[in-house]
Protein backbone atom coordinates (compact mmCIF):
# COMPACT_ATOMS: atom_id res chain seq x y z
CA MET A 1 -22.95 -83.23 38.39
CA ASN A 2 -25.91 -82.92 40.60
CA SER A 3 -29.08 -84.75 38.95
CA SER A 4 -31.27 -81.97 40.34
CA TYR A 5 -29.03 -79.45 38.42
CA LYS A 6 -29.09 -81.05 34.94
CA ASN A 7 -32.81 -81.45 35.44
CA ARG A 8 -33.47 -78.07 36.11
CA LYS A 9 -35.42 -76.11 33.50
CA SER A 10 -34.91 -72.55 32.00
CA ALA A 11 -36.76 -70.10 33.74
CA ASP A 12 -39.99 -68.61 32.12
CA TYR A 13 -38.12 -65.81 30.52
CA PHE A 14 -41.05 -64.77 28.38
CA LEU A 15 -42.81 -63.56 31.75
CA ALA A 16 -39.80 -61.53 32.31
CA PHE A 17 -39.96 -59.98 28.90
CA LEU A 18 -43.82 -59.25 29.40
CA VAL A 19 -42.70 -57.52 32.93
CA PHE A 20 -39.91 -55.69 31.39
CA GLY A 21 -41.82 -54.33 28.36
CA LEU A 22 -44.46 -52.90 30.73
CA ILE A 23 -41.55 -51.07 33.04
CA ALA A 24 -39.86 -49.87 29.49
CA PHE A 25 -43.41 -48.34 28.76
CA GLY A 26 -43.69 -47.04 32.13
CA LEU A 27 -40.37 -45.13 31.97
CA VAL A 28 -41.79 -43.49 28.63
CA MET A 29 -44.68 -42.56 29.96
CA ILE A 30 -43.57 -41.31 33.14
CA TYR A 31 -41.31 -38.93 31.20
CA SER A 32 -44.15 -37.99 29.24
CA VAL A 33 -46.73 -37.47 32.04
CA SER A 34 -44.13 -35.70 34.53
CA LYS A 35 -42.28 -33.31 32.38
CA TYR A 36 -44.31 -30.09 33.48
CA LEU A 37 -44.27 -31.07 37.05
CA SER A 38 -40.57 -31.95 37.15
CA LEU A 39 -39.83 -28.45 35.51
CA GLN A 40 -41.88 -26.75 38.49
CA ILE A 41 -39.97 -29.00 41.35
CA THR A 42 -36.68 -28.26 39.75
CA ASN A 43 -37.09 -24.55 39.27
CA GLN A 44 -37.13 -25.16 35.23
CA ALA A 45 -33.74 -26.89 35.75
CA SER A 46 -34.92 -30.37 34.43
CA ASP A 47 -38.04 -32.00 33.07
CA LYS A 48 -36.59 -35.33 33.83
CA TYR A 49 -36.93 -35.45 37.55
CA PHE A 50 -39.08 -38.28 38.06
CA LEU A 51 -37.54 -40.34 35.23
CA ILE A 52 -34.24 -40.04 36.63
CA ARG A 53 -35.32 -41.34 39.89
CA GLN A 54 -37.17 -43.97 38.46
CA LEU A 55 -34.34 -44.97 36.49
CA ILE A 56 -32.16 -45.19 39.59
CA SER A 57 -34.73 -47.58 41.32
CA LEU A 58 -34.73 -49.64 38.31
CA GLY A 59 -31.33 -50.07 38.39
CA ILE A 60 -31.72 -51.33 42.21
CA GLY A 61 -34.56 -53.50 41.31
CA VAL A 62 -32.80 -55.10 38.27
CA VAL A 63 -29.53 -56.01 40.92
CA ILE A 64 -32.50 -57.33 43.30
CA TRP A 65 -34.32 -59.17 40.55
CA LEU A 66 -31.16 -60.96 39.51
CA VAL A 67 -30.32 -62.14 42.95
CA PHE A 68 -33.82 -63.42 43.66
CA GLN A 69 -34.04 -65.03 40.64
CA ALA A 70 -30.67 -67.15 41.42
CA ILE A 71 -31.65 -67.70 45.33
CA ASP A 72 -33.23 -71.14 45.55
CA TYR A 73 -36.82 -70.71 46.97
CA ARG A 74 -36.21 -73.27 49.48
CA LEU A 75 -34.26 -70.53 51.30
CA TRP A 76 -37.09 -68.86 52.00
CA GLN A 77 -39.23 -71.70 53.31
CA LYS A 78 -36.13 -72.40 55.87
CA ASN A 79 -36.49 -69.26 57.39
CA THR A 80 -40.41 -68.67 57.43
CA THR A 81 -40.21 -67.80 61.11
CA LYS A 82 -37.76 -64.79 60.26
CA MET A 83 -40.26 -63.82 57.42
CA LEU A 84 -43.03 -63.19 60.16
CA ILE A 85 -40.50 -61.09 62.02
CA VAL A 86 -39.30 -59.09 58.96
CA THR A 87 -43.01 -58.53 58.31
CA LEU A 88 -43.97 -57.13 61.34
CA VAL A 89 -40.85 -54.91 61.54
CA LEU A 90 -41.27 -53.38 58.14
CA LEU A 91 -44.72 -52.62 59.08
CA SER A 92 -43.99 -50.95 62.21
CA SER A 93 -40.91 -49.13 61.24
CA VAL A 94 -43.02 -45.93 60.27
CA PHE A 95 -44.01 -45.90 63.76
CA LEU A 96 -40.61 -46.31 65.20
CA PHE A 97 -38.67 -43.93 62.79
CA ARG A 98 -41.39 -41.16 62.57
CA SER A 99 -41.36 -39.24 59.27
CA ASP A 100 -43.70 -36.45 57.68
CA SER A 101 -45.88 -39.35 56.62
CA ASN A 102 -47.63 -42.63 58.21
CA ARG A 103 -46.44 -44.60 55.34
CA TRP A 104 -43.13 -43.55 54.40
CA LEU A 105 -39.53 -43.48 55.56
CA ASN A 106 -36.92 -41.32 54.09
CA LEU A 107 -33.66 -43.57 53.10
CA PHE A 108 -30.90 -41.65 51.27
CA GLY A 109 -33.05 -38.71 50.14
CA PHE A 110 -35.50 -41.34 48.55
CA GLY A 111 -38.81 -42.10 50.03
CA PHE A 112 -39.40 -45.61 51.09
CA GLN A 113 -42.46 -47.69 51.56
CA PRO A 114 -41.98 -50.68 53.98
CA SER A 115 -45.34 -52.14 53.52
CA GLU A 116 -44.33 -52.80 49.81
CA LEU A 117 -41.64 -55.16 50.96
CA ALA A 118 -43.80 -56.63 53.68
CA LYS A 119 -46.23 -57.88 51.23
CA LEU A 120 -43.51 -60.27 49.88
CA SER A 121 -42.06 -61.12 53.42
CA MET A 122 -45.71 -62.09 54.33
CA ILE A 123 -46.11 -64.56 51.22
CA PHE A 124 -43.09 -66.09 52.17
CA TYR A 125 -44.27 -66.58 55.87
CA LEU A 126 -47.93 -67.54 54.85
CA ALA A 127 -46.51 -70.14 52.46
CA GLY A 128 -44.53 -71.87 54.93
CA TRP A 129 -47.19 -71.70 57.54
CA PHE A 130 -49.86 -73.21 55.16
CA SER A 131 -47.61 -75.79 53.23
CA GLY A 132 -46.95 -77.36 56.78
CA LYS A 133 -50.52 -77.47 57.75
CA MET A 134 -51.40 -79.08 54.41
CA LYS A 135 -49.58 -82.16 55.35
CA SER A 136 -51.23 -82.67 58.41
CA GLN A 137 -54.76 -81.83 57.28
CA GLU A 138 -55.09 -79.39 59.73
CA ILE A 139 -55.31 -76.28 57.52
CA ASN A 140 -59.08 -75.33 58.77
CA GLU A 141 -57.76 -75.66 62.66
CA SER A 142 -55.66 -72.67 61.66
CA PHE A 143 -58.31 -70.06 60.84
CA VAL A 144 -58.38 -68.51 64.30
CA PRO A 145 -54.82 -67.76 64.42
CA PHE A 146 -55.21 -66.70 60.86
CA LEU A 147 -57.72 -64.42 61.68
CA PHE A 148 -55.39 -62.91 64.65
CA PHE A 149 -52.46 -62.61 62.25
CA ILE A 150 -54.52 -60.68 59.85
CA GLY A 151 -56.05 -58.58 62.53
CA ALA A 152 -52.38 -57.64 63.52
CA ILE A 153 -51.53 -56.67 59.99
CA SER A 154 -54.81 -54.76 59.66
CA LEU A 155 -54.18 -52.65 62.70
CA LEU A 156 -50.90 -51.89 61.57
CA MET A 157 -52.02 -50.55 58.33
CA LEU A 158 -55.08 -48.68 59.59
CA LEU A 159 -52.74 -46.83 61.85
CA GLN A 160 -50.91 -45.91 58.79
CA LYS A 161 -54.23 -44.81 57.05
CA ASP A 162 -53.56 -47.13 54.10
CA LEU A 163 -56.88 -48.81 53.46
CA GLY A 164 -55.60 -49.66 49.46
CA THR A 165 -52.67 -51.54 50.83
CA LEU A 166 -54.66 -53.36 53.43
CA SER A 167 -57.25 -54.50 50.73
CA ILE A 168 -54.23 -55.94 48.72
CA ILE A 169 -52.96 -57.85 51.65
CA ILE A 170 -55.75 -59.27 52.66
CA VAL A 171 -56.74 -60.52 48.96
CA ILE A 172 -53.50 -62.10 48.77
CA ALA A 173 -53.72 -63.87 52.48
CA GLY A 174 -57.20 -64.85 51.41
CA ALA A 175 -56.20 -66.35 48.18
CA MET A 176 -53.36 -68.24 49.54
CA TYR A 177 -55.45 -69.54 52.54
CA PHE A 178 -58.22 -70.74 50.04
CA ALA A 179 -55.40 -72.46 47.70
CA ALA A 180 -54.34 -74.43 50.56
CA GLY A 181 -57.32 -76.00 51.37
CA ALA A 182 -59.58 -73.93 53.45
CA LYS A 183 -63.09 -74.16 53.65
CA ILE A 184 -65.47 -71.83 51.95
CA SER A 185 -67.45 -70.89 55.01
CA ASN A 186 -64.05 -69.46 56.46
CA LEU A 187 -63.66 -67.26 53.68
CA PHE A 188 -67.18 -65.76 53.96
CA VAL A 189 -65.94 -65.18 57.44
CA GLY A 190 -62.88 -63.49 56.35
CA GLY A 191 -65.02 -61.37 54.02
CA GLY A 192 -67.11 -60.52 57.03
CA LEU A 193 -63.84 -59.12 58.61
CA LEU A 194 -62.71 -57.39 55.37
CA VAL A 195 -66.44 -55.22 55.74
CA PHE A 196 -66.11 -54.51 59.18
CA LEU A 197 -62.14 -53.47 58.75
CA VAL A 198 -63.70 -50.95 56.02
CA TRP A 199 -66.35 -49.55 58.26
CA LEU A 200 -63.86 -49.12 61.23
CA ALA A 201 -61.55 -47.38 58.57
CA VAL A 202 -64.33 -45.00 57.83
CA LYS A 203 -64.93 -44.13 61.61
CA ILE A 204 -61.38 -43.79 62.04
CA GLU A 205 -60.99 -41.29 59.16
CA PRO A 206 -64.13 -39.61 58.14
CA TYR A 207 -62.51 -38.01 54.99
CA ARG A 208 -63.05 -41.77 53.87
CA ILE A 209 -67.00 -40.66 53.42
CA GLN A 210 -66.11 -38.08 51.19
CA ARG A 211 -64.21 -40.60 49.03
CA LEU A 212 -67.26 -43.06 49.00
CA THR A 213 -69.72 -40.27 48.23
CA SER A 214 -67.35 -39.18 45.11
CA PHE A 215 -67.44 -42.95 44.06
CA LEU A 216 -71.04 -43.08 44.09
CA ASN A 217 -71.76 -39.84 42.36
CA PRO A 218 -68.24 -38.60 40.92
CA GLY A 219 -69.95 -34.96 39.76
CA ALA A 220 -71.27 -34.16 42.86
CA ASN A 221 -67.55 -33.31 44.48
CA ALA A 222 -65.78 -32.50 41.26
CA SER A 223 -63.90 -29.54 42.71
CA SER A 224 -63.09 -31.16 46.14
CA ALA A 225 -63.07 -35.11 47.34
CA GLY A 226 -64.22 -36.06 43.86
CA TYR A 227 -61.78 -34.03 42.04
CA GLN A 228 -59.08 -36.73 41.01
CA ILE A 229 -61.69 -39.25 39.94
CA HIS A 230 -63.65 -36.54 37.88
CA ASN A 231 -60.62 -35.60 36.05
CA ALA A 232 -59.39 -39.38 35.45
CA LEU A 233 -62.64 -39.76 33.93
CA ILE A 234 -62.51 -36.79 31.68
CA ALA A 235 -58.78 -38.02 30.59
CA ILE A 236 -60.22 -41.78 29.84
CA GLY A 237 -63.33 -40.21 28.06
CA SER A 238 -61.08 -37.71 26.08
CA GLY A 239 -59.07 -40.43 24.48
CA GLY A 240 -61.73 -42.09 22.70
CA TRP A 241 -60.76 -45.13 20.47
CA TRP A 242 -57.49 -44.28 19.43
CA GLY A 243 -56.51 -41.27 21.75
CA LEU A 244 -55.38 -37.70 21.16
CA GLY A 245 -51.85 -39.17 20.46
CA PHE A 246 -48.53 -39.88 22.27
CA GLY A 247 -47.43 -36.91 24.53
CA GLN A 248 -50.92 -34.89 23.70
CA SER A 249 -52.58 -35.01 26.85
CA ARG A 250 -54.28 -32.14 28.55
CA GLN A 251 -54.87 -33.68 31.65
CA LYS A 252 -51.20 -34.25 32.66
CA TYR A 253 -50.91 -30.20 33.06
CA LEU A 254 -51.34 -30.58 36.66
CA TYR A 255 -55.07 -31.30 36.34
CA LEU A 256 -55.00 -34.56 37.44
CA PRO A 257 -53.17 -35.24 40.67
CA GLU A 258 -50.69 -37.91 40.89
CA ALA A 259 -50.59 -38.48 37.18
CA GLN A 260 -47.42 -39.98 37.23
CA THR A 261 -48.15 -42.50 40.02
CA ASP A 262 -51.78 -43.86 40.74
CA ALA A 263 -53.36 -42.19 37.89
CA ILE A 264 -50.94 -42.78 35.21
CA PHE A 265 -53.57 -45.07 33.19
CA PRO A 266 -55.99 -42.50 32.61
CA ILE A 267 -53.25 -40.53 30.76
CA ILE A 268 -52.34 -43.59 28.94
CA GLY A 269 -56.03 -44.00 27.96
CA GLU A 270 -56.00 -40.23 26.83
CA GLU A 271 -52.94 -40.35 24.63
CA LEU A 272 -53.60 -43.99 23.28
CA GLY A 273 -57.24 -44.23 23.23
CA PHE A 274 -59.30 -47.23 24.55
CA LEU A 275 -58.27 -49.76 22.21
CA ARG A 276 -54.67 -49.59 22.61
CA ALA A 277 -54.71 -49.10 26.44
CA SER A 278 -56.45 -52.17 26.54
CA ALA A 279 -53.58 -54.03 25.18
CA ILE A 280 -51.78 -52.91 28.42
CA ILE A 281 -54.68 -54.94 30.03
CA ILE A 282 -53.81 -57.79 28.06
CA VAL A 283 -50.47 -58.25 29.04
CA TYR A 284 -51.13 -58.02 32.52
CA ALA A 285 -53.69 -61.13 31.79
CA ILE A 286 -50.79 -62.97 30.18
CA ILE A 287 -48.77 -62.36 33.16
CA ALA A 288 -51.43 -63.68 35.36
CA TYR A 289 -51.66 -66.60 32.91
CA ARG A 290 -48.12 -67.32 33.15
CA GLY A 291 -47.66 -66.88 36.97
CA PHE A 292 -50.62 -69.19 37.63
CA SER A 293 -49.37 -71.80 35.63
CA ILE A 294 -45.96 -71.93 37.16
CA ALA A 295 -47.94 -72.32 40.56
CA ARG A 296 -49.87 -75.21 38.79
CA ARG A 297 -46.70 -76.77 37.99
CA ALA A 298 -44.68 -75.97 41.20
CA PRO A 299 -42.46 -78.88 42.61
CA ASP A 300 -44.52 -78.56 46.42
CA ASP A 301 -46.77 -76.82 48.07
CA PHE A 302 -44.30 -74.42 49.35
CA SER A 303 -43.70 -72.95 45.85
CA ARG A 304 -47.09 -73.17 44.72
CA LEU A 305 -48.46 -70.94 47.36
CA VAL A 306 -45.81 -68.33 46.92
CA ALA A 307 -46.41 -68.47 43.39
CA ILE A 308 -50.28 -68.09 43.69
CA GLY A 309 -49.46 -65.07 46.40
CA VAL A 310 -47.45 -63.26 43.97
CA THR A 311 -49.46 -63.63 40.93
CA THR A 312 -52.51 -62.39 43.00
CA TRP A 313 -50.67 -59.74 44.26
CA ILE A 314 -49.77 -58.36 40.78
CA ILE A 315 -53.09 -58.86 39.31
CA TRP A 316 -55.22 -57.71 42.18
CA GLN A 317 -53.35 -54.57 42.51
CA THR A 318 -53.27 -53.91 38.77
CA PHE A 319 -57.20 -54.36 39.33
CA VAL A 320 -57.80 -52.08 42.37
CA ASN A 321 -55.86 -49.17 40.44
CA LEU A 322 -57.76 -49.65 37.13
CA ALA A 323 -61.10 -50.05 38.61
CA ALA A 324 -60.37 -47.00 40.95
CA MET A 325 -59.32 -44.55 38.21
CA MET A 326 -62.32 -45.84 35.87
CA GLY A 327 -64.88 -45.35 38.77
CA VAL A 328 -65.53 -49.08 39.46
CA LEU A 329 -63.76 -48.79 42.97
CA PRO A 330 -63.41 -45.82 45.42
CA LEU A 331 -60.26 -44.32 45.17
CA THR A 332 -57.58 -46.41 47.23
CA GLY A 333 -54.03 -44.83 45.88
CA VAL A 334 -52.12 -47.62 44.78
CA PRO A 335 -49.44 -47.64 41.92
CA LEU A 336 -50.31 -49.57 38.77
CA PRO A 337 -47.49 -52.35 38.80
CA PHE A 338 -44.27 -51.92 36.89
CA ILE A 339 -45.82 -48.75 35.31
CA SER A 340 -46.54 -46.10 37.85
CA TYR A 341 -43.83 -43.92 39.22
CA GLY A 342 -42.58 -45.36 42.67
CA GLY A 343 -39.30 -46.92 43.47
CA THR A 344 -40.36 -49.15 46.67
CA SER A 345 -43.09 -50.72 44.40
CA LEU A 346 -41.06 -51.43 41.60
CA ILE A 347 -38.38 -52.85 43.51
CA ALA A 348 -40.63 -55.11 45.33
CA PHE A 349 -42.46 -56.44 42.21
CA LEU A 350 -39.02 -57.05 40.72
CA ALA A 351 -37.96 -59.04 43.60
CA ALA A 352 -41.50 -61.14 43.54
CA VAL A 353 -41.06 -61.77 39.83
CA GLY A 354 -37.48 -62.84 40.55
CA VAL A 355 -38.91 -65.56 43.13
CA LEU A 356 -41.42 -66.76 40.69
CA LEU A 357 -38.65 -67.13 37.71
CA ASN A 358 -36.74 -69.13 40.33
CA ILE A 359 -39.64 -71.38 40.89
CA SER A 360 -40.22 -71.74 37.11
CA LYS A 361 -36.81 -73.48 36.83
CA GLN A 362 -37.92 -76.09 38.72
CA THR A 363 -41.61 -76.90 37.81
CA VAL A 364 -42.78 -80.15 36.89
């Protein structure tokens, strides 16, 4: 028997338990939040429209999770150039196959967001690129090519009018570059690039000025640009310490837009209250700890950078969603990982967690 196989450890199934616990909770909340909207969409035929579609996505996601957990992570390391091509093709596909949205493709009747899967392929590519530079101490010499890469990604995302996803991609890439040994001064330059991109995004789409104004003063445009954040804050405030009770939300009756997707946390806060909603945040914190622990004990630079990229993705997207819904950041339109309704997001995150678990089997 191969010695490496005999020495292989068990995967971090506690991490998997936490993830699937969030998914199960999300299914319950999606059903509770979307019943009224489901009845409207189906002409009173079913109150489970969104729940059923999320369950289908979960079934696909579990299969992909099992596959990615079984695939040795070194396979991705051998195909990093292909991962670059996959990333660019995914991000360009919405322009090659036009749909009603700049961000979505229609796949067998289901909305499909290529940028969600592009995050993972980008992580594989950057991990392979940076790990090779670390061995030759050339990581800082790759700063200009790195900026060109981020610039190309940014252009594609700005054309898709998806500033939220762009911010997540840039933070993932920046975290991986820093973990690979980049100078702090390079990160400051990268931060300046991010500020420029935000300015450019506002110039391209003036409606973002309204979002920024609503962020600074939610009550000023409560009936227009600030409608969603205004009602999200009402939902969170209405919950108090202990909440109105499960299923008792008032804001989910079409007062709060996108309640089953981006704005699901305010409904959680309204029904369960601040204390119990905080338990959800604690679970995400434990996931972050487990993910970075896997990175710290990873057997090589490539797997360490992949683990850092995946964990940063989960935690930063969680932060962006929660901060936007609580008025700490402007609205960006990104789902809450594992909980929000969204098939592509769920499948992509399950694939990423599968990769994390494969790395955890081989930690030192």
